[in-house]
C-alpha atoms as a PDB file:
ATOM      1  CA  UNK A   1       0.000   0.000   0.000  1.00  0.00           C
ATOM      2  CA  UNK A   2       1.578   3.297  -1.087  1.00  0.00           C
ATOM      3  CA  UNK A   3       1.416   6.480   0.974  1.00  0.00           C
ATOM      4  CA  UNK A   4      -1.535   7.973  -0.918  1.00  0.00           C
ATOM      5  CA  UNK A   5      -3.713   4.893  -0.434  1.00  0.00           C
ATOM      6  CA  UNK A   6      -2.599   4.503   3.182  1.00  0.00           C
ATOM      7  CA  UNK A   7      -3.449   8.121   3.954  1.00  0.00           C
ATOM      8  CA  UNK A   8      -6.850   7.699   2.322  1.00  0.00           C
ATOM      9  CA  UNK A   9      -7.431   4.591   4.440  1.00  0.00           C
ATOM     10  CA  UNK A  10      -6.442   6.368   7.666  1.00  0.00           C
ATOM     11  CA  UNK A  11      -8.651   9.357   6.805  1.00  0.00           C
ATOM     12  CA  UNK A  12     -11.599   7.024   6.154  1.00  0.00           C
ATOM     13  CA  UNK A  13     -11.139   5.093   9.423  1.00  0.00           C
ATOM     14  CA  UNK A  14     -11.005   8.258  11.503  1.00  0.00           C
ATOM     15  CA  UNK A  15     -14.055   9.754   9.794  1.00  0.00           C
ATOM     16  CA  UNK A  16     -16.029   6.536  10.360  1.00  0.00           C
ATOM     17  CA  UNK A  17     -14.933   6.655  13.996  1.00  0.00           C
ATOM     18  CA  UNK A  18     -16.583  10.097  14.226  1.00  0.00           C
ATOM     19  CA  UNK A  19     -13.394  12.134  14.341  1.00  0.00           C
ATOM     20  CA  UNK A  20     -13.309  15.572  12.785  1.00  0.00           C
ATOM     21  CA  UNK A  21     -10.372  15.358  10.390  1.00  0.00           C
ATOM     22  CA  UNK A  22      -8.362  18.068   8.644  1.00  0.00           C
ATOM     23  CA  UNK A  23      -8.089  17.874   4.870  1.00  0.00           C
ATOM     24  CA  UNK A  24      -4.878  15.921   4.108  1.00  0.00           C
ATOM     25  CA  UNK A  25      -4.791  17.392   0.595  1.00  0.00           C
ATOM     26  CA  UNK A  26      -3.877  20.833   1.903  1.00  0.00           C
ATOM     27  CA  UNK A  27      -0.901  19.723   4.009  1.00  0.00           C
ATOM     28  CA  UNK A  28       2.373  19.684   2.085  1.00  0.00           C
ATOM     29  CA  UNK A  29       6.010  19.275   3.139  1.00  0.00           C
ATOM     30  CA  UNK A  30       5.041  18.745   6.783  1.00  0.00           C
ATOM     31  CA  UNK A  31       6.155  16.281   9.438  1.00  0.00           C
ATOM     32  CA  UNK A  32       2.516  15.119   9.727  1.00  0.00           C
ATOM     33  CA  UNK A  33      -0.389  14.483   7.351  1.00  0.00           C
ATOM     34  CA  UNK A  34      -3.526  15.369   9.274  1.00  0.00           C
ATOM     35  CA  UNK A  35      -4.987  16.422  12.599  1.00  0.00           C
ATOM     36  CA  UNK A  36      -8.058  14.639  13.958  1.00  0.00           C
ATOM     37  CA  UNK A  37     -10.272  15.327  16.949  1.00  0.00           C
ATOM     38  CA  UNK A  38     -12.954  13.392  18.810  1.00  0.00           C
ATOM     39  CA  UNK A  39     -14.079  14.956  22.044  1.00  0.00           C
ATOM     40  CA  UNK A  40     -11.003  15.857  24.053  1.00  0.00           C
ATOM     41  CA  UNK A  41      -8.706  13.570  22.056  1.00  0.00           C
ATOM     42  CA  UNK A  42      -6.593  15.326  19.412  1.00  0.00           C
ATOM     43  CA  UNK A  43      -4.337  13.261  17.149  1.00  0.00           C
ATOM     44  CA  UNK A  44      -1.435  14.532  15.056  1.00  0.00           C
ATOM     45  CA  UNK A  45      -1.089  11.740  12.501  1.00  0.00           C
ATOM     46  CA  UNK A  46       1.544  10.750   9.974  1.00  0.00           C
ATOM     47  CA  UNK A  47       0.883   7.934   7.491  1.00  0.00           C
ATOM     48  CA  UNK A  48       3.889   6.296   5.883  1.00  0.00           C
ATOM     49  CA  UNK A  49       4.039   2.829   4.325  1.00  0.00           C
ATOM     50  CA  UNK A  50       7.557   2.351   5.710  1.00  0.00           C
ATOM     51  CA  UNK A  51       7.934   2.891   9.439  1.00  0.00           C
ATOM     52  CA  UNK A  52      11.685   3.335   8.998  1.00  0.00           C
ATOM     53  CA  UNK A  53      11.059   6.412   6.835  1.00  0.00           C
ATOM     54  CA  UNK A  54       9.899   8.426   9.850  1.00  0.00           C
ATOM     55  CA  UNK A  55      12.986  10.370  10.860  1.00  0.00           C
ATOM     56  CA  UNK A  56      13.941  11.329  14.407  1.00  0.00           C
ATOM     57  CA  UNK A  57      13.477  15.025  13.626  1.00  0.00           C
ATOM     58  CA  UNK A  58       9.957  14.386  12.314  1.00  0.00           C
ATOM     59  CA  UNK A  59       9.080  12.472  15.462  1.00  0.00           C
ATOM     60  CA  UNK A  60      10.352  15.348  17.597  1.00  0.00           C
ATOM     61  CA  UNK A  61       8.342  17.862  15.561  1.00  0.00           C
ATOM     62  CA  UNK A  62       5.184  15.757  15.818  1.00  0.00           C
ATOM     63  CA  UNK A  63       5.576  15.407  19.585  1.00  0.00           C
ATOM     64  CA  UNK A  64       6.243  19.124  19.974  1.00  0.00           C
ATOM     65  CA  UNK A  65       3.177  20.057  17.915  1.00  0.00           C
ATOM     66  CA  UNK A  66       0.978  17.516  19.706  1.00  0.00           C
ATOM     67  CA  UNK A  67       2.166  18.939  23.016  1.00  0.00           C
ATOM     68  CA  UNK A  68       1.210  22.460  21.989  1.00  0.00           C
ATOM     69  CA  UNK A  69      -2.255  21.266  20.911  1.00  0.00           C
ATOM     70  CA  UNK A  70      -2.700  19.115  24.051  1.00  0.00           C
ATOM     71  CA  UNK A  71      -2.890  16.140  21.723  1.00  0.00           C
ATOM     72  CA  UNK A  72      -1.136  12.884  20.886  1.00  0.00           C
ATOM     73  CA  UNK A  73       1.227  12.030  18.031  1.00  0.00           C
ATOM     74  CA  UNK A  74       0.640   8.821  16.065  1.00  0.00           C
ATOM     75  CA  UNK A  75       2.225   7.088  13.070  1.00  0.00           C
ATOM     76  CA  UNK A  76       0.238   4.634  10.942  1.00  0.00           C
ATOM     77  CA  UNK A  77       2.327   2.288   8.838  1.00  0.00           C
ATOM     78  CA  UNK A  78       2.338  -1.183   7.272  1.00  0.00           C
ATOM     79  CA  UNK A  79       5.976  -2.250   6.906  1.00  0.00           C
ATOM     80  CA  UNK A  80       9.482  -1.853   8.285  1.00  0.00           C
ATOM     81  CA  UNK A  81      12.822  -3.171   7.129  1.00  0.00           C
ATOM     82  CA  UNK A  82      12.017  -6.328   9.086  1.00  0.00           C
ATOM     83  CA  UNK A  83       8.907  -6.990   6.997  1.00  0.00           C
ATOM     84  CA  UNK A  84       5.178  -6.519   7.457  1.00  0.00           C
ATOM     85  CA  UNK A  85       4.105  -4.987  10.773  1.00  0.00           C
ATOM     86  CA  UNK A  86       1.939  -7.216  12.942  1.00  0.00           C
ATOM     87  CA  UNK A  87      -1.668  -6.215  13.533  1.00  0.00           C
ATOM     88  CA  UNK A  88      -2.751  -5.682  17.124  1.00  0.00           C
ATOM     89  CA  UNK A  89       0.720  -4.530  18.152  1.00  0.00           C
ATOM     90  CA  UNK A  90       1.879  -1.042  19.127  1.00  0.00           C
ATOM     91  CA  UNK A  91       5.303  -0.171  17.751  1.00  0.00           C
ATOM     92  CA  UNK A  92       7.383   2.949  18.337  1.00  0.00           C
ATOM     93  CA  UNK A  93       9.373   5.077  15.950  1.00  0.00           C
ATOM     94  CA  UNK A  94      11.279   8.246  16.759  1.00  0.00           C
ATOM     95  CA  UNK A  95       9.475   8.502  20.081  1.00  0.00           C
ATOM     96  CA  UNK A  96       5.983   8.225  18.534  1.00  0.00           C
ATOM     97  CA  UNK A  97       3.633   5.217  18.898  1.00  0.00           C
ATOM     98  CA  UNK A  98       2.931   3.456  15.607  1.00  0.00           C
ATOM     99  CA  UNK A  99       0.374   0.909  14.444  1.00  0.00           C
ATOM    100  CA  UNK A 100      -1.160  -0.633  11.345  1.00  0.00           C
ATOM    101  CA  UNK A 101      -4.460   0.554   9.827  1.00  0.00           C
ATOM    102  CA  UNK A 102      -6.072  -2.658  11.129  1.00  0.00           C
ATOM    103  CA  UNK A 103      -5.001  -1.827  14.694  1.00  0.00           C
ATOM    104  CA  UNK A 104      -6.206   1.763  14.253  1.00  0.00           C
ATOM    105  CA  UNK A 105      -9.587   0.495  13.058  1.00  0.00           C
ATOM    106  CA  UNK A 106      -9.872  -2.013  15.896  1.00  0.00           C
ATOM    107  CA  UNK A 107      -9.088   0.648  18.493  1.00  0.00           C
ATOM    108  CA  UNK A 108     -11.360   3.440  17.273  1.00  0.00           C
ATOM    109  CA  UNK A 109     -14.098   1.659  15.280  1.00  0.00           C
ATOM    110  CA  UNK A 110     -14.484  -1.587  17.216  1.00  0.00           C
ATOM    111  CA  UNK A 111     -13.490  -0.261  20.632  1.00  0.00           C
ATOM    112  CA  UNK A 112     -10.840  -2.971  20.989  1.00  0.00           C
ATOM    113  CA  UNK A 113      -7.564  -1.473  22.273  1.00  0.00           C
ATOM    114  CA  UNK A 114      -4.291  -3.264  21.552  1.00  0.00           C
ATOM    115  CA  UNK A 115      -2.727  -5.501  24.183  1.00  0.00           C
ATOM    116  CA  UNK A 116       0.735  -6.091  22.731  1.00  0.00           C
ATOM    117  CA  UNK A 117       3.633  -3.687  22.293  1.00  0.00           C
ATOM    118  CA  UNK A 118       6.977  -4.142  20.579  1.00  0.00           C
ATOM    119  CA  UNK A 119      10.197  -3.390  22.451  1.00  0.00           C
ATOM    120  CA  UNK A 120      13.811  -4.514  22.193  1.00  0.00           C
ATOM    121  CA  UNK A 121      13.695  -8.273  22.663  1.00  0.00           C
ATOM    122  CA  UNK A 122      10.295  -8.963  21.123  1.00  0.00           C
ATOM    123  CA  UNK A 123       6.608  -8.550  21.888  1.00  0.00           C
ATOM    124  CA  UNK A 124       5.437  -7.646  25.399  1.00  0.00           C
ATOM    125  CA  UNK A 125       2.153  -7.291  27.303  1.00  0.00           C
ATOM    126  CA  UNK A 126       0.940  -5.864  30.598  1.00  0.00           C
ATOM    127  CA  UNK A 127      -0.533  -8.251  33.155  1.00  0.00           C
ATOM    128  CA  UNK A 128      -3.241  -7.752  35.757  1.00  0.00           C
ATOM    129  CA  UNK A 129      -0.916  -7.576  38.751  1.00  0.00           C
ATOM    130  CA  UNK A 130      -3.725  -7.957  41.282  1.00  0.00           C
ATOM    131  CA  UNK A 131      -5.068 -11.114  39.627  1.00  0.00           C
ATOM    132  CA  UNK A 132      -1.578 -12.576  39.412  1.00  0.00           C
ATOM    133  CA  UNK A 133      -0.864 -11.718  43.050  1.00  0.00           C
ATOM    134  CA  UNK A 134      -4.164 -13.254  44.149  1.00  0.00           C
ATOM    135  CA  UNK A 135      -3.424 -16.500  42.315  1.00  0.00           C
ATOM    136  CA  UNK A 136       0.008 -16.652  43.911  1.00  0.00           C
ATOM    137  CA  UNK A 137      -1.289 -16.051  47.432  1.00  0.00           C
ATOM    138  CA  UNK A 138      -4.295 -18.359  47.202  1.00  0.00           C
ATOM    139  CA  UNK A 139      -3.304 -21.212  44.894  1.00  0.00           C
ATOM    140  CA  UNK A 140       0.329 -21.339  43.879  1.00  0.00           C
ATOM    141  CA  UNK A 141       3.758 -20.421  45.118  1.00  0.00           C
ATOM    142  CA  UNK A 142       5.917 -17.896  43.317  1.00  0.00           C
ATOM    143  CA  UNK A 143       8.227 -20.773  42.397  1.00  0.00           C
ATOM    144  CA  UNK A 144       5.406 -22.660  40.686  1.00  0.00           C
ATOM    145  CA  UNK A 145       4.359 -19.606  38.692  1.00  0.00           C
ATOM    146  CA  UNK A 146       7.936 -18.873  37.659  1.00  0.00           C
ATOM    147  CA  UNK A 147       8.437 -22.458  36.477  1.00  0.00           C
ATOM    148  CA  UNK A 148       5.152 -22.416  34.560  1.00  0.00           C
ATOM    149  CA  UNK A 149       6.057 -19.163  32.804  1.00  0.00           C
ATOM    150  CA  UNK A 150       9.694 -20.107  32.250  1.00  0.00           C
ATOM    151  CA  UNK A 151      10.968 -16.991  34.003  1.00  0.00           C
ATOM    152  CA  UNK A 152      12.659 -16.116  37.285  1.00  0.00           C
ATOM    153  CA  UNK A 153      10.872 -15.569  40.576  1.00  0.00           C
ATOM    154  CA  UNK A 154      11.983 -11.946  40.448  1.00  0.00           C
ATOM    155  CA  UNK A 155      10.242 -11.574  37.080  1.00  0.00           C
ATOM    156  CA  UNK A 156       6.944 -12.774  38.569  1.00  0.00           C
ATOM    157  CA  UNK A 157       7.245 -10.169  41.308  1.00  0.00           C
ATOM    158  CA  UNK A 158       7.965  -7.470  38.725  1.00  0.00           C
ATOM    159  CA  UNK A 159       4.990  -8.554  36.623  1.00  0.00           C
ATOM    160  CA  UNK A 160       2.823  -8.006  39.700  1.00  0.00           C
ATOM    161  CA  UNK A 161       4.286  -4.498  39.998  1.00  0.00           C
ATOM    162  CA  UNK A 162       3.491  -3.607  36.393  1.00  0.00           C
ATOM    163  CA  UNK A 163       6.575  -4.546  34.388  1.00  0.00           C
ATOM    164  CA  UNK A 164       5.895  -5.738  30.851  1.00  0.00           C
ATOM    165  CA  UNK A 165       6.012  -9.481  30.310  1.00  0.00           C
ATOM    166  CA  UNK A 166       7.187 -11.307  27.210  1.00  0.00           C
ATOM    167  CA  UNK A 167       4.117 -12.413  25.273  1.00  0.00           C
ATOM    168  CA  UNK A 168       4.973 -16.117  25.302  1.00  0.00           C
ATOM    169  CA  UNK A 169       5.615 -16.070  29.062  1.00  0.00           C
ATOM    170  CA  UNK A 170       2.301 -14.306  29.659  1.00  0.00           C
ATOM    171  CA  UNK A 171       0.433 -16.873  27.544  1.00  0.00           C
ATOM    172  CA  UNK A 172       2.045 -19.722  29.485  1.00  0.00           C
ATOM    173  CA  UNK A 173       0.925 -18.102  32.737  1.00  0.00           C
ATOM    174  CA  UNK A 174      -2.634 -17.687  31.471  1.00  0.00           C
ATOM    175  CA  UNK A 175      -2.703 -21.317  30.351  1.00  0.00           C
ATOM    176  CA  UNK A 176      -1.326 -22.548  33.681  1.00  0.00           C
ATOM    177  CA  UNK A 177      -3.805 -20.486  35.733  1.00  0.00           C
ATOM    178  CA  UNK A 178      -6.648 -21.001  33.266  1.00  0.00           C
ATOM    179  CA  UNK A 179      -7.546 -17.322  33.571  1.00  0.00           C
ATOM    180  CA  UNK A 180      -7.037 -14.112  31.621  1.00  0.00           C
ATOM    181  CA  UNK A 181      -4.190 -11.919  32.816  1.00  0.00           C
ATOM    182  CA  UNK A 182      -3.284  -9.784  29.780  1.00  0.00           C
ATOM    183  CA  UNK A 183      -4.806  -6.301  29.928  1.00  0.00           C
ATOM    184  CA  UNK A 184      -5.247  -3.665  27.183  1.00  0.00           C
ATOM    185  CA  UNK A 185      -2.677  -0.907  26.857  1.00  0.00           C
ATOM    186  CA  UNK A 186      -2.925   2.782  26.086  1.00  0.00           C
ATOM    187  CA  UNK A 187      -0.629   3.280  23.064  1.00  0.00           C
ATOM    188  CA  UNK A 188       0.028   6.875  24.111  1.00  0.00           C
ATOM    189  CA  UNK A 189       1.171   5.966  27.615  1.00  0.00           C
ATOM    190  CA  UNK A 190       4.044   3.733  26.556  1.00  0.00           C
ATOM    191  CA  UNK A 191       7.475   5.127  27.309  1.00  0.00           C
ATOM    192  CA  UNK A 192       9.203   6.738  24.351  1.00  0.00           C
ATOM    193  CA  UNK A 193      12.165   5.101  22.647  1.00  0.00           C
ATOM    194  CA  UNK A 194      13.599   8.521  21.801  1.00  0.00           C
ATOM    195  CA  UNK A 195      14.849  11.302  24.071  1.00  0.00           C
ATOM    196  CA  UNK A 196      12.458  14.125  24.782  1.00  0.00           C
ATOM    197  CA  UNK A 197      13.906  16.842  22.597  1.00  0.00           C
ATOM    198  CA  UNK A 198      12.310  19.888  21.095  1.00  0.00           C
ATOM    199  CA  UNK A 199      12.060  20.018  17.331  1.00  0.00           C
ATOM    200  CA  UNK A 200      14.831  22.114  15.882  1.00  0.00           C
ATOM    201  CA  UNK A 201      13.350  25.409  14.796  1.00  0.00           C
ATOM    202  CA  UNK A 202      15.140  27.860  12.503  1.00  0.00           C
ATOM    203  CA  UNK A 203      15.627  31.371  13.767  1.00  0.00           C
ATOM    204  CA  UNK A 204      12.905  33.752  12.681  1.00  0.00           C
ATOM    205  CA  UNK A 205      14.004  36.318  10.136  1.00  0.00           C
ATOM    206  CA  UNK A 206      12.543  39.303   8.343  1.00  0.00           C
ATOM    207  CA  UNK A 207       8.766  39.642   8.551  1.00  0.00           C
ATOM    208  CA  UNK A 208       8.489  36.531  10.706  1.00  0.00           C
ATOM    209  CA  UNK A 209      10.889  37.986  13.291  1.00  0.00           C
ATOM    210  CA  UNK A 210       9.022  41.302  13.400  1.00  0.00           C
ATOM    211  CA  UNK A 211       5.654  39.619  13.864  1.00  0.00           C
ATOM    212  CA  UNK A 212       6.879  37.194  16.535  1.00  0.00           C
ATOM    213  CA  UNK A 213       8.678  39.950  18.427  1.00  0.00           C
ATOM    214  CA  UNK A 214       5.591  42.166  18.413  1.00  0.00           C
ATOM    215  CA  UNK A 215       3.355  39.296  19.548  1.00  0.00           C
ATOM    216  CA  UNK A 216       5.757  38.650  22.402  1.00  0.00           C
ATOM    217  CA  UNK A 217       5.645  42.304  23.418  1.00  0.00           C
ATOM    218  CA  UNK A 218       1.838  42.121  23.426  1.00  0.00           C
ATOM    219  CA  UNK A 219       2.017  39.282  25.936  1.00  0.00           C
ATOM    220  CA  UNK A 220       1.686  36.243  23.664  1.00  0.00           C
ATOM    221  CA  UNK A 221       3.810  33.141  24.063  1.00  0.00           C
ATOM    222  CA  UNK A 222       5.154  32.258  20.615  1.00  0.00           C
ATOM    223  CA  UNK A 223       6.429  28.830  19.503  1.00  0.00           C
ATOM    224  CA  UNK A 224       7.862  28.519  15.998  1.00  0.00           C
ATOM    225  CA  UNK A 225       6.616  25.421  14.159  1.00  0.00           C
ATOM    226  CA  UNK A 226       8.986  24.179  11.435  1.00  0.00           C
ATOM    227  CA  UNK A 227       7.642  21.816   8.785  1.00  0.00           C
ATOM    228  CA  UNK A 228       4.052  22.905   9.388  1.00  0.00           C
ATOM    229  CA  UNK A 229       1.741  24.821   7.049  1.00  0.00           C
ATOM    230  CA  UNK A 230       1.625  27.509   9.745  1.00  0.00           C
ATOM    231  CA  UNK A 231       4.687  29.270  11.134  1.00  0.00           C
ATOM    232  CA  UNK A 232       3.939  29.656  14.824  1.00  0.00           C
ATOM    233  CA  UNK A 233       1.643  28.786  17.683  1.00  0.00           C
ATOM    234  CA  UNK A 234       0.702  31.836  19.731  1.00  0.00           C
ATOM    235  CA  UNK A 235      -1.059  31.798  23.085  1.00  0.00           C
ATOM    236  CA  UNK A 236      -2.247  34.395  25.571  1.00  0.00           C
ATOM    237  CA  UNK A 237      -4.149  33.016  28.548  1.00  0.00           C
ATOM    238  CA  UNK A 238      -6.939  30.815  27.162  1.00  0.00           C
ATOM    239  CA  UNK A 239      -6.768  32.188  23.607  1.00  0.00           C
ATOM    240  CA  UNK A 240      -4.407  30.597  21.107  1.00  0.00           C
ATOM    241  CA  UNK A 241      -3.885  30.880  17.345  1.00  0.00           C
ATOM    242  CA  UNK A 242      -2.137  29.005  14.587  1.00  0.00           C
ATOM    243  CA  UNK A 243      -0.317  31.813  12.804  1.00  0.00           C
ATOM    244  CA  UNK A 244       0.721  31.878   9.152  1.00  0.00           C
ATOM    245  CA  UNK A 245       3.306  34.571   8.430  1.00  0.00           C
ATOM    246  CA  UNK A 246       4.423  35.645   4.977  1.00  0.00           C
ATOM    247  CA  UNK A 247       4.338  38.122   2.126  1.00  0.00           C
ATOM    248  CA  UNK A 248       1.374  38.138  -0.201  1.00  0.00           C
ATOM    249  CA  UNK A 249       1.728  35.431  -2.871  1.00  0.00           C
ATOM    250  CA  UNK A 250      -0.227  32.355  -4.083  1.00  0.00           C
ATOM    251  CA  UNK A 251       1.718  30.049  -1.760  1.00  0.00           C
ATOM    252  CA  UNK A 252       0.532  32.049   1.270  1.00  0.00           C
ATOM    253  CA  UNK A 253      -3.081  31.356   0.260  1.00  0.00           C
ATOM    254  CA  UNK A 254      -2.422  27.610   0.133  1.00  0.00           C
ATOM    255  CA  UNK A 255      -0.749  27.642   3.547  1.00  0.00           C
ATOM    256  CA  UNK A 256      -3.581  29.719   5.006  1.00  0.00           C
ATOM    257  CA  UNK A 257      -6.137  27.174   3.780  1.00  0.00           C
ATOM    258  CA  UNK A 258      -4.162  24.347   5.349  1.00  0.00           C
ATOM    259  CA  UNK A 259      -3.881  26.287   8.610  1.00  0.00           C
ATOM    260  CA  UNK A 260      -7.624  26.961   8.661  1.00  0.00           C
ATOM    261  CA  UNK A 261      -8.401  23.257   8.123  1.00  0.00           C
ATOM    262  CA  UNK A 262      -6.113  22.189  10.962  1.00  0.00           C
ATOM    263  CA  UNK A 263      -7.246  24.971  13.316  1.00  0.00           C
ATOM    264  CA  UNK A 264     -10.921  24.094  12.894  1.00  0.00           C
ATOM    265  CA  UNK A 265     -10.290  20.463  13.813  1.00  0.00           C
ATOM    266  CA  UNK A 266      -7.918  21.242  16.684  1.00  0.00           C
ATOM    267  CA  UNK A 267     -10.297  23.794  18.189  1.00  0.00           C
ATOM    268  CA  UNK A 268      -7.797  26.627  17.761  1.00  0.00           C
ATOM    269  CA  UNK A 269      -8.053  30.058  16.212  1.00  0.00           C
ATOM    270  CA  UNK A 270      -6.110  30.948  13.068  1.00  0.00           C
ATOM    271  CA  UNK A 271      -4.635  34.156  11.714  1.00  0.00           C
ATOM    272  CA  UNK A 272      -2.497  35.324   8.798  1.00  0.00           C
ATOM    273  CA  UNK A 273       0.102  38.034   9.363  1.00  0.00           C
ATOM    274  CA  UNK A 274       1.342  39.607   6.162  1.00  0.00           C
ATOM    275  CA  UNK A 275       3.119  42.688   4.877  1.00  0.00           C
ATOM    276  CA  UNK A 276       0.077  44.285   3.184  1.00  0.00           C
ATOM    277  CA  UNK A 277      -3.506  43.240   3.916  1.00  0.00           C
ATOM    278  CA  UNK A 278      -5.158  44.484   0.739  1.00  0.00           C
ATOM    279  CA  UNK A 279      -8.939  44.555   0.405  1.00  0.00           C
ATOM    280  CA  UNK A 280      -9.722  41.098   1.795  1.00  0.00           C
ATOM    281  CA  UNK A 281     -10.678  40.470   5.414  1.00  0.00           C
ATOM    282  CA  UNK A 282      -9.702  36.794   5.156  1.00  0.00           C
ATOM    283  CA  UNK A 283      -7.375  34.690   3.071  1.00  0.00           C
ATOM    284  CA  UNK A 284      -7.818  30.933   2.756  1.00  0.00           C
ATOM    285  CA  UNK A 285     -10.593  31.093   5.376  1.00  0.00           C
ATOM    286  CA  UNK A 286      -8.357  32.856   7.906  1.00  0.00           C
ATOM    287  CA  UNK A 287      -8.469  36.530   9.043  1.00  0.00           C
ATOM    288  CA  UNK A 288      -5.630  38.723   7.749  1.00  0.00           C
ATOM    289  CA  UNK A 289      -3.680  41.145   9.924  1.00  0.00           C
ATOM    290  CA  UNK A 290      -1.097  43.415   8.323  1.00  0.00           C
ATOM    291  CA  UNK A 291       2.228  44.182   9.961  1.00  0.00           C
ATOM    292  CA  UNK A 292       1.203  47.825  10.267  1.00  0.00           C
ATOM    293  CA  UNK A 293      -2.016  46.902  12.090  1.00  0.00           C
ATOM    294  CA  UNK A 294      -0.173  44.586  14.457  1.00  0.00           C
ATOM    295  CA  UNK A 295       2.455  47.196  15.278  1.00  0.00           C
ATOM    296  CA  UNK A 296      -0.311  49.640  16.217  1.00  0.00           C
ATOM    297  CA  UNK A 297      -1.806  47.363  18.876  1.00  0.00           C
ATOM    298  CA  UNK A 298      -1.220  47.865  22.576  1.00  0.00           C
ATOM    299  CA  UNK A 299      -3.086  44.975  24.212  1.00  0.00           C
ATOM    300  CA  UNK A 300      -3.707  41.264  23.460  1.00  0.00           C
ATOM    301  CA  UNK A 301      -7.414  42.072  23.337  1.00  0.00           C
ATOM    302  CA  UNK A 302      -6.839  44.431  20.393  1.00  0.00           C
ATOM    303  CA  UNK A 303      -5.659  41.498  18.274  1.00  0.00           C
ATOM    304  CA  UNK A 304      -8.442  39.203  19.440  1.00  0.00           C
ATOM    305  CA  UNK A 305     -11.116  41.819  18.704  1.00  0.00           C
ATOM    306  CA  UNK A 306      -9.808  42.490  15.188  1.00  0.00           C
ATOM    307  CA  UNK A 307      -9.598  38.770  14.378  1.00  0.00           C
ATOM    308  CA  UNK A 308     -13.150  38.194  15.624  1.00  0.00           C
ATOM    309  CA  UNK A 309     -14.450  41.220  13.723  1.00  0.00           C
ATOM    310  CA  UNK A 310     -12.958  40.044  10.432  1.00  0.00           C
ATOM    311  CA  UNK A 311     -14.243  36.534  10.926  1.00  0.00           C
ATOM    312  CA  UNK A 312     -17.767  37.882  11.446  1.00  0.00           C
ATOM    313  CA  UNK A 313     -17.609  40.140   8.380  1.00  0.00           C
ATOM    314  CA  UNK A 314     -16.419  37.282   6.188  1.00  0.00           C
ATOM    315  CA  UNK A 315     -19.415  35.061   6.940  1.00  0.00           C
END
């Protein structure tokens, strides 16, 4: 399955699962392909047929963006250099959980979360520590359980405390006890296999530097977002915006449309800062603010009021 078909499949699964999904056709040259939201859950998703193609820098950028949106990063893939990815298993690449379309569908359409995760050494599961402890105290000794599972006594104790168990050992335990011990996992709670680093962001220059500096002076926190259709995330108290910054040209319109699509799904505001506003109140569905207008503002509320006014007039 090539990237285009995989992305179409992922988009379809999320829509069927009642997610609001940004238009993947408007996102270009980004570290992710779409943003999806269902209730409080926001996903920043990348679809790539080869899991090994997801670079460390892309993983860092996805995690940084997901963090800013209070969301979760996710890769959907089908293969790695080792061959076809197993269904029902959560993998990890560049610090981001990864799964197949089948696993994605099971989790969000069927309500069946995965139970197995891949880690160095093979496939692992989490066990119900209380059930295991109860069986040990009421029916079997720790030695008997260790022999049945083919592991050490210390391993049994660590399983009870929440350490992941090798899948084959867990299945032997379940067979010996004649009871279910394996519990579902939250793919987004698994520890990352990559260090927590911030995505490398280029220094702002020219118009971008002027806009970001002015926003900072107004009281906005500004985070540059490389490899995104938008250039920065800005936040002041409870109000935040995805900001596209650039001089007037056709490419700015395309980026503004992509930003608007993502902002709508993520529940964020969006704004375009440009050198000259022209006659339009909006561009690509997003309110336009000229550099001159921004420089003339004295309070965060001035920007919020102008954005809201232009959104109303464009309807």
